[in-house]
Amino acid sequence: QVQLVESGGGLVQAGGSLRLSCAASGSIFSIDVMGWYRQAPGKQRELVAAITTGGSATYTDSVKGRFTISRDNFKNAVFLQMNSLKPEDTAVYYCNLHRPEPWRYDYWGQGTQVTVSS
């Protein structure tokens, strides 16, 4: 079992910055991919960024150049530095741990609200 606890959400003005943190506990495997998803009202949950244990990262196009994902493998933590925030970044952000084949399972945090005012 894996537990994920997020922190760092809040209210910020457009152009501002926030840093999200996610602490994972339980059995973490080296093949696990950690990442962040977000869900805005009335929209589907979407991948924001993900990172492997080796540090290989991927981003959705809308956040490239503004968001940076990082990971501390010793502390089993993942972070999302969000700069130049826009109102359209407003959403609930969820920490995710994806365990690939043969398990193929996703763990989720409880979510943290990010609100960007114009």
C-alpha atoms as a PDB file:
ATOM      1  CA  GLN A   1       0.000   0.000   0.000  1.00  0.00           C
ATOM      2  CA  VAL A   2       1.059   3.558  -0.745  1.00  0.00           C
ATOM      3  CA  GLN A   3      -0.201   6.769   0.826  1.00  0.00           C
ATOM      4  CA  LEU A   4       0.260  10.166  -0.799  1.00  0.00           C
ATOM      5  CA  VAL A   5      -0.128  13.452   1.050  1.00  0.00           C
ATOM      6  CA  GLU A   6      -0.040  16.760  -0.831  1.00  0.00           C
ATOM      7  CA  SER A   7       0.615  20.235   0.492  1.00  0.00           C
ATOM      8  CA  GLY A   8       1.303  23.693  -0.850  1.00  0.00           C
ATOM      9  CA  GLY A   9      -1.854  24.713  -2.670  1.00  0.00           C
ATOM     10  CA  GLY A  10      -3.512  28.055  -2.191  1.00  0.00           C
ATOM     11  CA  LEU A  11      -4.622  31.327  -3.746  1.00  0.00           C
ATOM     12  CA  VAL A  12      -2.214  33.357  -5.852  1.00  0.00           C
ATOM     13  CA  GLN A  13      -2.477  36.200  -8.316  1.00  0.00           C
ATOM     14  CA  ALA A  14      -1.772  35.686 -11.991  1.00  0.00           C
ATOM     15  CA  GLY A  15       1.947  35.729 -12.627  1.00  0.00           C
ATOM     16  CA  GLY A  16       2.720  34.407  -9.183  1.00  0.00           C
ATOM     17  CA  SER A  17       4.278  31.141  -8.049  1.00  0.00           C
ATOM     18  CA  LEU A  18       3.390  28.155  -5.896  1.00  0.00           C
ATOM     19  CA  ARG A  19       5.249  25.007  -4.950  1.00  0.00           C
ATOM     20  CA  LEU A  20       3.367  21.778  -4.406  1.00  0.00           C
ATOM     21  CA  SER A  21       4.820  18.931  -2.386  1.00  0.00           C
ATOM     22  CA  CYS A  22       3.787  15.305  -2.132  1.00  0.00           C
ATOM     23  CA  ALA A  23       5.124  12.849   0.411  1.00  0.00           C
ATOM     24  CA  ALA A  24       4.747   9.163  -0.307  1.00  0.00           C
ATOM     25  CA  SER A  25       4.803   6.466   2.345  1.00  0.00           C
ATOM     26  CA  GLY A  26       4.582   2.713   2.127  1.00  0.00           C
ATOM     27  CA  SER A  27       6.216   0.412  -0.393  1.00  0.00           C
ATOM     28  CA  ILE A  28       7.761   2.545  -3.114  1.00  0.00           C
ATOM     29  CA  PHE A  29       9.385   0.750  -6.024  1.00  0.00           C
ATOM     30  CA  SER A  30      12.189   2.118  -8.169  1.00  0.00           C
ATOM     31  CA  ILE A  31      10.032   1.666 -11.273  1.00  0.00           C
ATOM     32  CA  ASP A  32       7.231   3.846  -9.880  1.00  0.00           C
ATOM     33  CA  VAL A  33       6.515   7.019 -11.806  1.00  0.00           C
ATOM     34  CA  MET A  34       5.373   9.968  -9.725  1.00  0.00           C
ATOM     35  CA  GLY A  35       3.474  12.898 -11.072  1.00  0.00           C
ATOM     36  CA  TRP A  36       0.823  15.545 -10.794  1.00  0.00           C
ATOM     37  CA  TYR A  37      -2.619  15.656 -12.350  1.00  0.00           C
ATOM     38  CA  ARG A  38      -5.192  18.412 -12.167  1.00  0.00           C
ATOM     39  CA  GLN A  39      -8.921  18.683 -12.548  1.00  0.00           C
ATOM     40  CA  ALA A  40     -10.759  21.921 -13.152  1.00  0.00           C
ATOM     41  CA  PRO A  41     -14.530  22.219 -12.603  1.00  0.00           C
ATOM     42  CA  GLY A  42     -16.423  20.557 -15.421  1.00  0.00           C
ATOM     43  CA  LYS A  43     -13.277  19.144 -17.003  1.00  0.00           C
ATOM     44  CA  GLN A  44     -11.567  15.790 -17.047  1.00  0.00           C
ATOM     45  CA  ARG A  45      -8.542  15.092 -14.919  1.00  0.00           C
ATOM     46  CA  GLU A  46      -5.383  15.696 -16.932  1.00  0.00           C
ATOM     47  CA  LEU A  47      -1.717  14.895 -16.516  1.00  0.00           C
ATOM     48  CA  VAL A  48       0.357  17.969 -15.697  1.00  0.00           C
ATOM     49  CA  ALA A  49       3.805  16.446 -15.261  1.00  0.00           C
ATOM     50  CA  ALA A  50       5.428  13.151 -14.356  1.00  0.00           C
ATOM     51  CA  ILE A  51       8.926  12.022 -13.441  1.00  0.00           C
ATOM     52  CA  THR A  52      10.730   8.707 -13.188  1.00  0.00           C
ATOM     53  CA  THR A  53      13.164   7.640 -10.493  1.00  0.00           C
ATOM     54  CA  GLY A  54      15.969   8.457 -12.921  1.00  0.00           C
ATOM     55  CA  GLY A  55      14.722  12.016 -13.349  1.00  0.00           C
ATOM     56  CA  SER A  56      13.175  11.759 -16.794  1.00  0.00           C
ATOM     57  CA  ALA A  57      10.278  14.224 -16.853  1.00  0.00           C
ATOM     58  CA  THR A  58       7.335  14.886 -19.111  1.00  0.00           C
ATOM     59  CA  TYR A  59       4.983  17.867 -19.173  1.00  0.00           C
ATOM     60  CA  THR A  60       1.706  18.725 -20.763  1.00  0.00           C
ATOM     61  CA  ASP A  61       2.196  21.415 -23.401  1.00  0.00           C
ATOM     62  CA  SER A  62       0.315  24.142 -21.548  1.00  0.00           C
ATOM     63  CA  VAL A  63       2.777  24.159 -18.624  1.00  0.00           C
ATOM     64  CA  LYS A  64       6.084  23.698 -20.447  1.00  0.00           C
ATOM     65  CA  GLY A  65       8.516  26.439 -19.527  1.00  0.00           C
ATOM     66  CA  ARG A  66       6.465  27.468 -16.489  1.00  0.00           C
ATOM     67  CA  PHE A  67       6.270  24.356 -14.286  1.00  0.00           C
ATOM     68  CA  THR A  68       9.112  22.159 -13.080  1.00  0.00           C
ATOM     69  CA  ILE A  69       8.682  18.743 -11.536  1.00  0.00           C
ATOM     70  CA  SER A  70      11.340  17.253  -9.293  1.00  0.00           C
ATOM     71  CA  ARG A  71      11.725  14.197  -7.144  1.00  0.00           C
ATOM     72  CA  ASP A  72      13.613  13.224  -4.011  1.00  0.00           C
ATOM     73  CA  ASN A  73      14.012   9.464  -4.143  1.00  0.00           C
ATOM     74  CA  PHE A  74      15.464   9.216  -0.644  1.00  0.00           C
ATOM     75  CA  LYS A  75      12.498  11.005   0.879  1.00  0.00           C
ATOM     76  CA  ASN A  76       9.965   9.479  -1.530  1.00  0.00           C
ATOM     77  CA  ALA A  77       8.712  12.924  -2.392  1.00  0.00           C
ATOM     78  CA  VAL A  78       7.755  14.773  -5.549  1.00  0.00           C
ATOM     79  CA  PHE A  79       7.468  18.498  -6.054  1.00  0.00           C
ATOM     80  CA  LEU A  80       5.884  20.813  -8.594  1.00  0.00           C
ATOM     81  CA  GLN A  81       7.244  24.323  -8.880  1.00  0.00           C
ATOM     82  CA  MET A  82       4.674  26.441 -10.660  1.00  0.00           C
ATOM     83  CA  ASN A  83       5.737  29.841 -11.997  1.00  0.00           C
ATOM     84  CA  SER A  84       3.971  32.435 -14.139  1.00  0.00           C
ATOM     85  CA  LEU A  85       0.645  31.040 -13.034  1.00  0.00           C
ATOM     86  CA  LYS A  86      -2.430  31.777 -15.119  1.00  0.00           C
ATOM     87  CA  PRO A  87      -6.134  31.731 -14.198  1.00  0.00           C
ATOM     88  CA  GLU A  88      -6.528  28.671 -16.412  1.00  0.00           C
ATOM     89  CA  ASP A  89      -4.182  26.791 -14.060  1.00  0.00           C
ATOM     90  CA  THR A  90      -6.909  26.917 -11.416  1.00  0.00           C
ATOM     91  CA  ALA A  91      -7.788  23.346 -10.461  1.00  0.00           C
ATOM     92  CA  VAL A  92      -7.501  20.690  -7.822  1.00  0.00           C
ATOM     93  CA  TYR A  93      -4.028  19.179  -8.151  1.00  0.00           C
ATOM     94  CA  TYR A  94      -3.562  15.514  -7.354  1.00  0.00           C
ATOM     95  CA  CYS A  95      -0.345  13.694  -6.618  1.00  0.00           C
ATOM     96  CA  ASN A  96      -0.105  10.377  -8.446  1.00  0.00           C
ATOM     97  CA  LEU A  97       2.102   7.328  -8.178  1.00  0.00           C
ATOM     98  CA  HIS A  98       1.882   5.036 -11.199  1.00  0.00           C
ATOM     99  CA  ARG A  99       3.144   1.479 -10.851  1.00  0.00           C
ATOM    100  CA  PRO A 100       3.734  -0.029 -14.293  1.00  0.00           C
ATOM    101  CA  GLU A 101       3.345  -3.615 -15.466  1.00  0.00           C
ATOM    102  CA  PRO A 102       2.908  -6.197 -14.124  1.00  0.00           C
ATOM    103  CA  TRP A 103       1.062  -4.365 -11.360  1.00  0.00           C
ATOM    104  CA  ARG A 104      -0.382  -1.511 -13.453  1.00  0.00           C
ATOM    105  CA  TYR A 105      -1.891   0.425 -10.565  1.00  0.00           C
ATOM    106  CA  ASP A 106      -2.345   4.082  -9.663  1.00  0.00           C
ATOM    107  CA  TYR A 107      -2.285   5.627  -6.215  1.00  0.00           C
ATOM    108  CA  TRP A 108      -3.747   9.099  -5.598  1.00  0.00           C
ATOM    109  CA  GLY A 109      -3.462  11.800  -3.023  1.00  0.00           C
ATOM    110  CA  GLN A 110      -6.473  13.657  -1.651  1.00  0.00           C
ATOM    111  CA  GLY A 111      -5.865  16.718  -3.820  1.00  0.00           C
ATOM    112  CA  THR A 112      -4.938  20.311  -3.093  1.00  0.00           C
ATOM    113  CA  GLN A 113      -6.710  23.362  -4.466  1.00  0.00           C
ATOM    114  CA  VAL A 114      -4.787  25.877  -6.564  1.00  0.00           C
ATOM    115  CA  THR A 115      -6.642  29.075  -7.395  1.00  0.00           C
ATOM    116  CA  VAL A 116      -5.128  31.742  -9.634  1.00  0.00           C
ATOM    117  CA  SER A 117      -6.915  35.085  -9.654  1.00  0.00           C
ATOM    118  CA  SER A 118      -6.758  37.474 -12.600  1.00  0.00           C
END
